[in-house]
């Protein structure tokens, strides 16, 4: 596993910096964030992304199922939680209503989450329940076919440097994971990601089919967060490539989308 994934607080800070420098400016091209804007993040982890919105004066609500990550967040964000600027809910999003979360939201954030969801259509449709009129949803995710779309960078040291191996058939992929010394638990986790990975085409189709429309999008050749992970300058995808279905997934490391109701 790459070192920055082991340092949870360091990764938390990295997520905050990335959100402040790239995610929020992307959103604010269309939707201005003002003091008191209600923002919910689903799959918030330790809350690094949401912290950037709270720093801007937004009221944050985080929904996260991983109890250990919620416990970390309660340490990292203790001051914001105590002051009422941020609320953490350790729960499945399907088991709460807007009323449980003190009302609906101006913005929902899903950063590096949708590619881990099994029934993506069900979730994206369910989000209508949580938005105020004029509200929007931000998604940031790596297209499945990109070099490390299988999240193999989270695996064993040798495995983390091999691009596109997640595209092999499942049986062959599992065998390769074992050969490279992956643990049984991590093998199951990586195999699950292979099952849930999402392409640009699939995402846009689900958005259309579930009553949403794309308001703004940006595709990246070099993911903005690589600036903080690898000291690489972010680079937007070449415009003609963004228009080539299927192929664009292989050479696009990250996409940002902002969607709203039709």
C-alpha atoms as a PDB file:
ATOM      1  CA  UNK A   1       0.000   0.000   0.000  1.00  0.00           C
ATOM      2  CA  UNK A   2       1.282   3.475  -0.834  1.00  0.00           C
ATOM      3  CA  UNK A   3       2.505   5.315   2.274  1.00  0.00           C
ATOM      4  CA  UNK A   4      -0.023   8.142   2.209  1.00  0.00           C
ATOM      5  CA  UNK A   5      -2.866   5.618   2.531  1.00  0.00           C
ATOM      6  CA  UNK A   6      -1.366   4.377   5.823  1.00  0.00           C
ATOM      7  CA  UNK A   7      -1.170   7.875   7.337  1.00  0.00           C
ATOM      8  CA  UNK A   8      -4.874   8.536   7.866  1.00  0.00           C
ATOM      9  CA  UNK A   9      -4.453  12.063   9.250  1.00  0.00           C
ATOM     10  CA  UNK A  10      -2.030  12.989   6.472  1.00  0.00           C
ATOM     11  CA  UNK A  11      -4.498  11.675   3.910  1.00  0.00           C
ATOM     12  CA  UNK A  12      -7.276  13.637   5.624  1.00  0.00           C
ATOM     13  CA  UNK A  13      -5.230  16.839   5.184  1.00  0.00           C
ATOM     14  CA  UNK A  14      -4.470  15.956   1.564  1.00  0.00           C
ATOM     15  CA  UNK A  15      -8.184  15.597   0.834  1.00  0.00           C
ATOM     16  CA  UNK A  16      -8.911  18.983   2.399  1.00  0.00           C
ATOM     17  CA  UNK A  17      -6.233  20.701   0.313  1.00  0.00           C
ATOM     18  CA  UNK A  18      -7.484  19.059  -2.879  1.00  0.00           C
ATOM     19  CA  UNK A  19     -11.082  20.047  -2.168  1.00  0.00           C
ATOM     20  CA  UNK A  20     -10.119  23.645  -1.408  1.00  0.00           C
ATOM     21  CA  UNK A  21      -7.945  24.036  -4.489  1.00  0.00           C
ATOM     22  CA  UNK A  22      -9.896  22.043  -7.100  1.00  0.00           C
ATOM     23  CA  UNK A  23     -13.275  20.633  -6.014  1.00  0.00           C
ATOM     24  CA  UNK A  24     -14.836  23.804  -4.578  1.00  0.00           C
ATOM     25  CA  UNK A  25     -13.693  26.058  -7.469  1.00  0.00           C
ATOM     26  CA  UNK A  26     -15.187  23.528  -9.906  1.00  0.00           C
ATOM     27  CA  UNK A  27     -18.547  23.596  -8.097  1.00  0.00           C
ATOM     28  CA  UNK A  28     -18.547  27.373  -7.754  1.00  0.00           C
ATOM     29  CA  UNK A  29     -18.407  27.822 -11.508  1.00  0.00           C
ATOM     30  CA  UNK A  30     -22.139  27.080 -11.307  1.00  0.00           C
ATOM     31  CA  UNK A  31     -23.223  27.049  -7.670  1.00  0.00           C
ATOM     32  CA  UNK A  32     -21.875  29.598  -5.213  1.00  0.00           C
ATOM     33  CA  UNK A  33     -21.292  28.412  -1.674  1.00  0.00           C
ATOM     34  CA  UNK A  34     -22.229  30.931   0.974  1.00  0.00           C
ATOM     35  CA  UNK A  35     -22.202  31.012   4.765  1.00  0.00           C
ATOM     36  CA  UNK A  36     -24.771  28.476   5.952  1.00  0.00           C
ATOM     37  CA  UNK A  37     -24.968  26.472   2.706  1.00  0.00           C
ATOM     38  CA  UNK A  38     -26.030  22.951   3.705  1.00  0.00           C
ATOM     39  CA  UNK A  39     -23.672  20.282   2.354  1.00  0.00           C
ATOM     40  CA  UNK A  40     -23.944  16.526   2.842  1.00  0.00           C
ATOM     41  CA  UNK A  41     -21.109  14.172   1.965  1.00  0.00           C
ATOM     42  CA  UNK A  42     -21.939  10.501   1.453  1.00  0.00           C
ATOM     43  CA  UNK A  43     -19.080   8.091   2.112  1.00  0.00           C
ATOM     44  CA  UNK A  44     -17.239  10.896   3.867  1.00  0.00           C
ATOM     45  CA  UNK A  45     -14.481   8.751   5.382  1.00  0.00           C
ATOM     46  CA  UNK A  46     -12.509  10.829   7.871  1.00  0.00           C
ATOM     47  CA  UNK A  47     -14.116  14.016   6.543  1.00  0.00           C
ATOM     48  CA  UNK A  48     -11.161  15.609   4.763  1.00  0.00           C
ATOM     49  CA  UNK A  49     -13.236  16.728   1.769  1.00  0.00           C
ATOM     50  CA  UNK A  50     -16.126  18.022   3.867  1.00  0.00           C
ATOM     51  CA  UNK A  51     -13.702  19.960   6.087  1.00  0.00           C
ATOM     52  CA  UNK A  52     -12.913  22.234   3.125  1.00  0.00           C
ATOM     53  CA  UNK A  53     -16.604  23.145   2.817  1.00  0.00           C
ATOM     54  CA  UNK A  54     -16.914  23.753   6.565  1.00  0.00           C
ATOM     55  CA  UNK A  55     -13.852  26.040   6.405  1.00  0.00           C
ATOM     56  CA  UNK A  56     -15.769  28.079   3.828  1.00  0.00           C
ATOM     57  CA  UNK A  57     -18.697  28.568   6.202  1.00  0.00           C
ATOM     58  CA  UNK A  58     -20.947  25.724   5.043  1.00  0.00           C
ATOM     59  CA  UNK A  59     -22.900  23.540   7.451  1.00  0.00           C
ATOM     60  CA  UNK A  60     -21.701  19.972   6.934  1.00  0.00           C
ATOM     61  CA  UNK A  61     -23.366  16.603   7.480  1.00  0.00           C
ATOM     62  CA  UNK A  62     -21.251  13.491   6.903  1.00  0.00           C
ATOM     63  CA  UNK A  63     -22.733  10.026   6.333  1.00  0.00           C
ATOM     64  CA  UNK A  64     -20.224   7.177   6.683  1.00  0.00           C
ATOM     65  CA  UNK A  65     -20.720   3.452   7.378  1.00  0.00           C
ATOM     66  CA  UNK A  66     -17.143   2.582   8.466  1.00  0.00           C
ATOM     67  CA  UNK A  67     -17.154   2.995  12.257  1.00  0.00           C
ATOM     68  CA  UNK A  68     -13.346   3.203  12.497  1.00  0.00           C
ATOM     69  CA  UNK A  69     -13.252   6.091  10.020  1.00  0.00           C
ATOM     70  CA  UNK A  70     -16.036   7.867  11.896  1.00  0.00           C
ATOM     71  CA  UNK A  71     -14.014   7.546  15.092  1.00  0.00           C
ATOM     72  CA  UNK A  72     -11.007   9.099  13.341  1.00  0.00           C
ATOM     73  CA  UNK A  73     -13.195  11.918  12.043  1.00  0.00           C
ATOM     74  CA  UNK A  74     -14.509  12.633  15.514  1.00  0.00           C
ATOM     75  CA  UNK A  75     -10.895  13.207  16.606  1.00  0.00           C
ATOM     76  CA  UNK A  76      -9.758  15.211  13.572  1.00  0.00           C
ATOM     77  CA  UNK A  77     -12.912  17.355  13.476  1.00  0.00           C
ATOM     78  CA  UNK A  78     -13.722  17.590  17.176  1.00  0.00           C
ATOM     79  CA  UNK A  79     -13.755  21.402  17.200  1.00  0.00           C
ATOM     80  CA  UNK A  80     -16.108  21.696  14.215  1.00  0.00           C
ATOM     81  CA  UNK A  81     -18.432  19.014  15.595  1.00  0.00           C
ATOM     82  CA  UNK A  82     -18.493  20.650  19.039  1.00  0.00           C
ATOM     83  CA  UNK A  83     -19.286  24.045  17.477  1.00  0.00           C
ATOM     84  CA  UNK A  84     -22.193  22.620  15.469  1.00  0.00           C
ATOM     85  CA  UNK A  85     -20.565  23.283  12.105  1.00  0.00           C
ATOM     86  CA  UNK A  86     -20.418  19.582  11.284  1.00  0.00           C
ATOM     87  CA  UNK A  87     -22.435  16.501  12.156  1.00  0.00           C
ATOM     88  CA  UNK A  88     -21.329  12.883  11.645  1.00  0.00           C
ATOM     89  CA  UNK A  89     -23.818  10.072  11.060  1.00  0.00           C
ATOM     90  CA  UNK A  90     -22.500   6.492  11.220  1.00  0.00           C
ATOM     91  CA  UNK A  91     -25.177   4.909   9.072  1.00  0.00           C
ATOM     92  CA  UNK A  92     -26.224   3.525   5.697  1.00  0.00           C
ATOM     93  CA  UNK A  93     -27.653   6.365   3.558  1.00  0.00           C
ATOM     94  CA  UNK A  94     -30.687   4.194   2.752  1.00  0.00           C
ATOM     95  CA  UNK A  95     -31.565   4.024   6.453  1.00  0.00           C
ATOM     96  CA  UNK A  96     -31.936   7.766   7.014  1.00  0.00           C
ATOM     97  CA  UNK A  97     -34.354  10.412   5.761  1.00  0.00           C
ATOM     98  CA  UNK A  98     -33.833  14.125   5.214  1.00  0.00           C
ATOM     99  CA  UNK A  99     -35.656  14.704   8.508  1.00  0.00           C
ATOM    100  CA  UNK A 100     -33.069  12.555  10.312  1.00  0.00           C
ATOM    101  CA  UNK A 101     -30.376  14.842   8.886  1.00  0.00           C
ATOM    102  CA  UNK A 102     -32.051  18.110  10.009  1.00  0.00           C
ATOM    103  CA  UNK A 103     -33.490  18.832   6.575  1.00  0.00           C
ATOM    104  CA  UNK A 104     -32.565  18.798   2.906  1.00  0.00           C
ATOM    105  CA  UNK A 105     -29.367  20.063   1.304  1.00  0.00           C
ATOM    106  CA  UNK A 106     -28.115  22.625  -1.176  1.00  0.00           C
ATOM    107  CA  UNK A 107     -25.278  20.319  -2.217  1.00  0.00           C
ATOM    108  CA  UNK A 108     -24.453  16.631  -1.943  1.00  0.00           C
ATOM    109  CA  UNK A 109     -20.833  15.544  -2.363  1.00  0.00           C
ATOM    110  CA  UNK A 110     -19.655  12.088  -3.450  1.00  0.00           C
ATOM    111  CA  UNK A 111     -15.888  12.110  -3.903  1.00  0.00           C
ATOM    112  CA  UNK A 112     -14.305   8.756  -4.851  1.00  0.00           C
ATOM    113  CA  UNK A 113     -17.399   6.887  -3.680  1.00  0.00           C
ATOM    114  CA  UNK A 114     -19.707   5.989  -6.571  1.00  0.00           C
ATOM    115  CA  UNK A 115     -17.180   3.501  -7.964  1.00  0.00           C
ATOM    116  CA  UNK A 116     -17.562   1.473  -4.740  1.00  0.00           C
ATOM    117  CA  UNK A 117     -21.370   1.270  -4.823  1.00  0.00           C
ATOM    118  CA  UNK A 118     -23.015  -1.947  -6.024  1.00  0.00           C
ATOM    119  CA  UNK A 119     -26.384  -0.577  -7.178  1.00  0.00           C
ATOM    120  CA  UNK A 120     -25.304   2.800  -8.528  1.00  0.00           C
ATOM    121  CA  UNK A 121     -28.626   3.414 -10.266  1.00  0.00           C
ATOM    122  CA  UNK A 122     -30.544   2.911  -7.015  1.00  0.00           C
ATOM    123  CA  UNK A 123     -28.313   5.339  -5.092  1.00  0.00           C
ATOM    124  CA  UNK A 124     -28.307   8.100  -7.695  1.00  0.00           C
ATOM    125  CA  UNK A 125     -32.089   7.879  -7.938  1.00  0.00           C
ATOM    126  CA  UNK A 126     -32.427   7.903  -4.111  1.00  0.00           C
ATOM    127  CA  UNK A 127     -30.578  11.233  -3.868  1.00  0.00           C
ATOM    128  CA  UNK A 128     -33.670  13.125  -5.108  1.00  0.00           C
ATOM    129  CA  UNK A 129     -34.960  12.671  -1.540  1.00  0.00           C
ATOM    130  CA  UNK A 130     -32.280  14.874  -0.021  1.00  0.00           C
ATOM    131  CA  UNK A 131     -31.973  17.956  -2.241  1.00  0.00           C
ATOM    132  CA  UNK A 132     -33.532  21.383  -1.824  1.00  0.00           C
ATOM    133  CA  UNK A 133     -34.966  23.039  -4.967  1.00  0.00           C
ATOM    134  CA  UNK A 134     -32.033  24.099  -7.120  1.00  0.00           C
ATOM    135  CA  UNK A 135     -29.719  21.752  -5.230  1.00  0.00           C
ATOM    136  CA  UNK A 136     -26.916  19.896  -6.969  1.00  0.00           C
ATOM    137  CA  UNK A 137     -24.718  16.833  -6.566  1.00  0.00           C
ATOM    138  CA  UNK A 138     -20.965  16.710  -7.104  1.00  0.00           C
ATOM    139  CA  UNK A 139     -19.307  13.457  -8.184  1.00  0.00           C
ATOM    140  CA  UNK A 140     -15.592  12.857  -8.545  1.00  0.00           C
ATOM    141  CA  UNK A 141     -14.382   9.402  -9.542  1.00  0.00           C
ATOM    142  CA  UNK A 142     -11.794   7.495 -11.610  1.00  0.00           C
ATOM    143  CA  UNK A 143     -13.232   5.851 -14.751  1.00  0.00           C
ATOM    144  CA  UNK A 144     -12.997   2.086 -14.358  1.00  0.00           C
ATOM    145  CA  UNK A 145     -10.704   1.434 -17.326  1.00  0.00           C
ATOM    146  CA  UNK A 146      -8.087   4.017 -16.351  1.00  0.00           C
ATOM    147  CA  UNK A 147      -4.609   2.594 -15.506  1.00  0.00           C
ATOM    148  CA  UNK A 148      -5.300   2.244 -11.764  1.00  0.00           C
ATOM    149  CA  UNK A 149      -9.095   2.103 -11.848  1.00  0.00           C
ATOM    150  CA  UNK A 150      -9.027  -1.121  -9.835  1.00  0.00           C
ATOM    151  CA  UNK A 151      -7.453   0.732  -6.874  1.00  0.00           C
ATOM    152  CA  UNK A 152      -4.518  -1.673  -7.023  1.00  0.00           C
ATOM    153  CA  UNK A 153      -2.385   1.133  -5.548  1.00  0.00           C
ATOM    154  CA  UNK A 154      -4.032   0.102  -2.276  1.00  0.00           C
ATOM    155  CA  UNK A 155      -2.534  -3.364  -2.547  1.00  0.00           C
ATOM    156  CA  UNK A 156       0.840  -5.025  -2.085  1.00  0.00           C
ATOM    157  CA  UNK A 157       3.953  -3.050  -3.067  1.00  0.00           C
ATOM    158  CA  UNK A 158       4.661  -4.773  -6.402  1.00  0.00           C
ATOM    159  CA  UNK A 159       0.991  -4.859  -7.311  1.00  0.00           C
ATOM    160  CA  UNK A 160       0.561  -1.125  -6.730  1.00  0.00           C
ATOM    161  CA  UNK A 161       2.804  -0.303  -9.694  1.00  0.00           C
ATOM    162  CA  UNK A 162       1.014  -2.433 -12.313  1.00  0.00           C
ATOM    163  CA  UNK A 163      -1.462  -0.519 -14.525  1.00  0.00           C
ATOM    164  CA  UNK A 164      -4.587  -2.019 -16.116  1.00  0.00           C
ATOM    165  CA  UNK A 165      -4.257  -5.454 -14.477  1.00  0.00           C
ATOM    166  CA  UNK A 166      -7.780  -5.044 -13.065  1.00  0.00           C
ATOM    167  CA  UNK A 167      -9.111  -5.419 -16.623  1.00  0.00           C
ATOM    168  CA  UNK A 168      -8.194  -9.111 -16.772  1.00  0.00           C
ATOM    169  CA  UNK A 169     -11.065 -11.623 -16.313  1.00  0.00           C
ATOM    170  CA  UNK A 170     -11.959 -12.077 -12.656  1.00  0.00           C
ATOM    171  CA  UNK A 171     -10.488 -15.577 -12.253  1.00  0.00           C
ATOM    172  CA  UNK A 172      -7.179 -14.481 -13.767  1.00  0.00           C
ATOM    173  CA  UNK A 173      -7.198 -11.263 -11.721  1.00  0.00           C
ATOM    174  CA  UNK A 174      -7.657 -13.135  -8.450  1.00  0.00           C
ATOM    175  CA  UNK A 175      -4.818 -15.476  -9.380  1.00  0.00           C
ATOM    176  CA  UNK A 176      -2.537 -12.510 -10.091  1.00  0.00           C
ATOM    177  CA  UNK A 177      -3.408 -10.942  -6.749  1.00  0.00           C
ATOM    178  CA  UNK A 178      -2.353 -14.126  -4.964  1.00  0.00           C
ATOM    179  CA  UNK A 179       0.876 -14.352  -6.996  1.00  0.00           C
ATOM    180  CA  UNK A 180       1.793 -10.808  -5.977  1.00  0.00           C
ATOM    181  CA  UNK A 181       1.285 -11.652  -2.313  1.00  0.00           C
ATOM    182  CA  UNK A 182      -2.045  -9.995  -1.692  1.00  0.00           C
ATOM    183  CA  UNK A 183      -3.851 -11.013   1.506  1.00  0.00           C
ATOM    184  CA  UNK A 184      -7.167 -12.840   1.299  1.00  0.00           C
ATOM    185  CA  UNK A 185      -9.018  -9.848   2.794  1.00  0.00           C
ATOM    186  CA  UNK A 186      -7.485  -7.358   0.347  1.00  0.00           C
ATOM    187  CA  UNK A 187      -8.096  -9.745  -2.540  1.00  0.00           C
ATOM    188  CA  UNK A 188     -11.803  -9.766  -1.753  1.00  0.00           C
ATOM    189  CA  UNK A 189     -11.839  -5.980  -1.467  1.00  0.00           C
ATOM    190  CA  UNK A 190     -10.077  -5.480  -4.803  1.00  0.00           C
ATOM    191  CA  UNK A 191     -12.339  -8.049  -6.461  1.00  0.00           C
ATOM    192  CA  UNK A 192     -15.375  -6.169  -5.166  1.00  0.00           C
ATOM    193  CA  UNK A 193     -14.068  -2.929  -6.693  1.00  0.00           C
ATOM    194  CA  UNK A 194     -13.711  -4.775  -9.997  1.00  0.00           C
ATOM    195  CA  UNK A 195     -17.417  -5.599  -9.776  1.00  0.00           C
ATOM    196  CA  UNK A 196     -18.521  -2.028  -8.982  1.00  0.00           C
ATOM    197  CA  UNK A 197     -16.173   0.057 -11.177  1.00  0.00           C
ATOM    198  CA  UNK A 198     -18.020   2.604 -13.318  1.00  0.00           C
ATOM    199  CA  UNK A 199     -17.263   4.033 -16.756  1.00  0.00           C
ATOM    200  CA  UNK A 200     -18.003   7.558 -17.986  1.00  0.00           C
ATOM    201  CA  UNK A 201     -20.671   6.192 -20.338  1.00  0.00           C
ATOM    202  CA  UNK A 202     -22.419   4.188 -17.628  1.00  0.00           C
ATOM    203  CA  UNK A 203     -22.405   7.133 -15.221  1.00  0.00           C
ATOM    204  CA  UNK A 204     -23.881   9.553 -17.773  1.00  0.00           C
ATOM    205  CA  UNK A 205     -26.524   7.002 -18.788  1.00  0.00           C
ATOM    206  CA  UNK A 206     -27.603   6.463 -15.167  1.00  0.00           C
ATOM    207  CA  UNK A 207     -27.790  10.218 -14.628  1.00  0.00           C
ATOM    208  CA  UNK A 208     -30.128  10.618 -17.612  1.00  0.00           C
ATOM    209  CA  UNK A 209     -32.257   7.609 -16.697  1.00  0.00           C
ATOM    210  CA  UNK A 210     -32.828   8.664 -13.075  1.00  0.00           C
ATOM    211  CA  UNK A 211     -34.168  12.152 -13.708  1.00  0.00           C
ATOM    212  CA  UNK A 212     -30.985  14.199 -13.521  1.00  0.00           C
ATOM    213  CA  UNK A 213     -29.022  16.256 -16.011  1.00  0.00           C
ATOM    214  CA  UNK A 214     -25.318  17.053 -16.245  1.00  0.00           C
ATOM    215  CA  UNK A 215     -24.792  20.719 -15.387  1.00  0.00           C
ATOM    216  CA  UNK A 216     -20.994  20.806 -15.553  1.00  0.00           C
ATOM    217  CA  UNK A 217     -18.207  18.302 -16.169  1.00  0.00           C
ATOM    218  CA  UNK A 218     -14.424  18.188 -16.357  1.00  0.00           C
ATOM    219  CA  UNK A 219     -12.233  15.248 -17.364  1.00  0.00           C
ATOM    220  CA  UNK A 220      -8.593  15.041 -16.295  1.00  0.00           C
ATOM    221  CA  UNK A 221      -5.611  13.371 -17.898  1.00  0.00           C
ATOM    222  CA  UNK A 222      -3.807  13.863 -14.560  1.00  0.00           C
ATOM    223  CA  UNK A 223      -6.023  13.768 -11.479  1.00  0.00           C
ATOM    224  CA  UNK A 224      -5.779  16.977  -9.378  1.00  0.00           C
ATOM    225  CA  UNK A 225      -5.106  14.990  -6.212  1.00  0.00           C
ATOM    226  CA  UNK A 226      -1.911  13.634  -7.814  1.00  0.00           C
ATOM    227  CA  UNK A 227      -0.442  17.054  -7.054  1.00  0.00           C
ATOM    228  CA  UNK A 228      -0.571  16.163  -3.367  1.00  0.00           C
ATOM    229  CA  UNK A 229       0.115  12.441  -3.726  1.00  0.00           C
ATOM    230  CA  UNK A 230       2.894  12.459  -6.320  1.00  0.00           C
ATOM    231  CA  UNK A 231       3.815  16.127  -6.891  1.00  0.00           C
ATOM    232  CA  UNK A 232       2.388  15.956 -10.430  1.00  0.00           C
ATOM    233  CA  UNK A 233       0.775  19.009 -11.980  1.00  0.00           C
ATOM    234  CA  UNK A 234      -2.914  18.398 -12.790  1.00  0.00           C
ATOM    235  CA  UNK A 235      -3.752  18.385 -16.475  1.00  0.00           C
ATOM    236  CA  UNK A 236      -7.161  18.540 -18.072  1.00  0.00           C
ATOM    237  CA  UNK A 237      -7.976  15.938 -20.669  1.00  0.00           C
ATOM    238  CA  UNK A 238      -7.512  16.974 -24.292  1.00  0.00           C
ATOM    239  CA  UNK A 239     -10.944  18.087 -25.493  1.00  0.00           C
ATOM    240  CA  UNK A 240     -11.159  15.767 -28.557  1.00  0.00           C
ATOM    241  CA  UNK A 241     -10.400  12.746 -26.334  1.00  0.00           C
ATOM    242  CA  UNK A 242     -13.300  13.594 -23.991  1.00  0.00           C
ATOM    243  CA  UNK A 243     -15.665  13.100 -26.929  1.00  0.00           C
ATOM    244  CA  UNK A 244     -14.495   9.584 -27.857  1.00  0.00           C
ATOM    245  CA  UNK A 245     -16.694   7.058 -26.016  1.00  0.00           C
ATOM    246  CA  UNK A 246     -15.023   4.088 -24.351  1.00  0.00           C
ATOM    247  CA  UNK A 247     -11.456   5.070 -25.359  1.00  0.00           C
ATOM    248  CA  UNK A 248     -11.553   8.128 -23.085  1.00  0.00           C
ATOM    249  CA  UNK A 249     -11.929   5.881 -20.035  1.00  0.00           C
ATOM    250  CA  UNK A 250      -8.478   4.331 -20.578  1.00  0.00           C
ATOM    251  CA  UNK A 251      -6.608   7.655 -20.564  1.00  0.00           C
ATOM    252  CA  UNK A 252      -8.669   9.728 -18.127  1.00  0.00           C
ATOM    253  CA  UNK A 253      -7.604   9.359 -14.503  1.00  0.00           C
ATOM    254  CA  UNK A 254     -10.424  11.376 -12.952  1.00  0.00           C
ATOM    255  CA  UNK A 255     -13.717  13.048 -13.825  1.00  0.00           C
ATOM    256  CA  UNK A 256     -15.651  15.772 -12.021  1.00  0.00           C
ATOM    257  CA  UNK A 257     -19.417  16.101 -12.558  1.00  0.00           C
ATOM    258  CA  UNK A 258     -22.073  18.423 -11.197  1.00  0.00           C
ATOM    259  CA  UNK A 259     -25.639  17.263 -11.767  1.00  0.00           C
ATOM    260  CA  UNK A 260     -29.049  18.741 -11.013  1.00  0.00           C
ATOM    261  CA  UNK A 261     -32.677  17.781 -11.432  1.00  0.00           C
ATOM    262  CA  UNK A 262     -34.202  18.083 -14.898  1.00  0.00           C
END
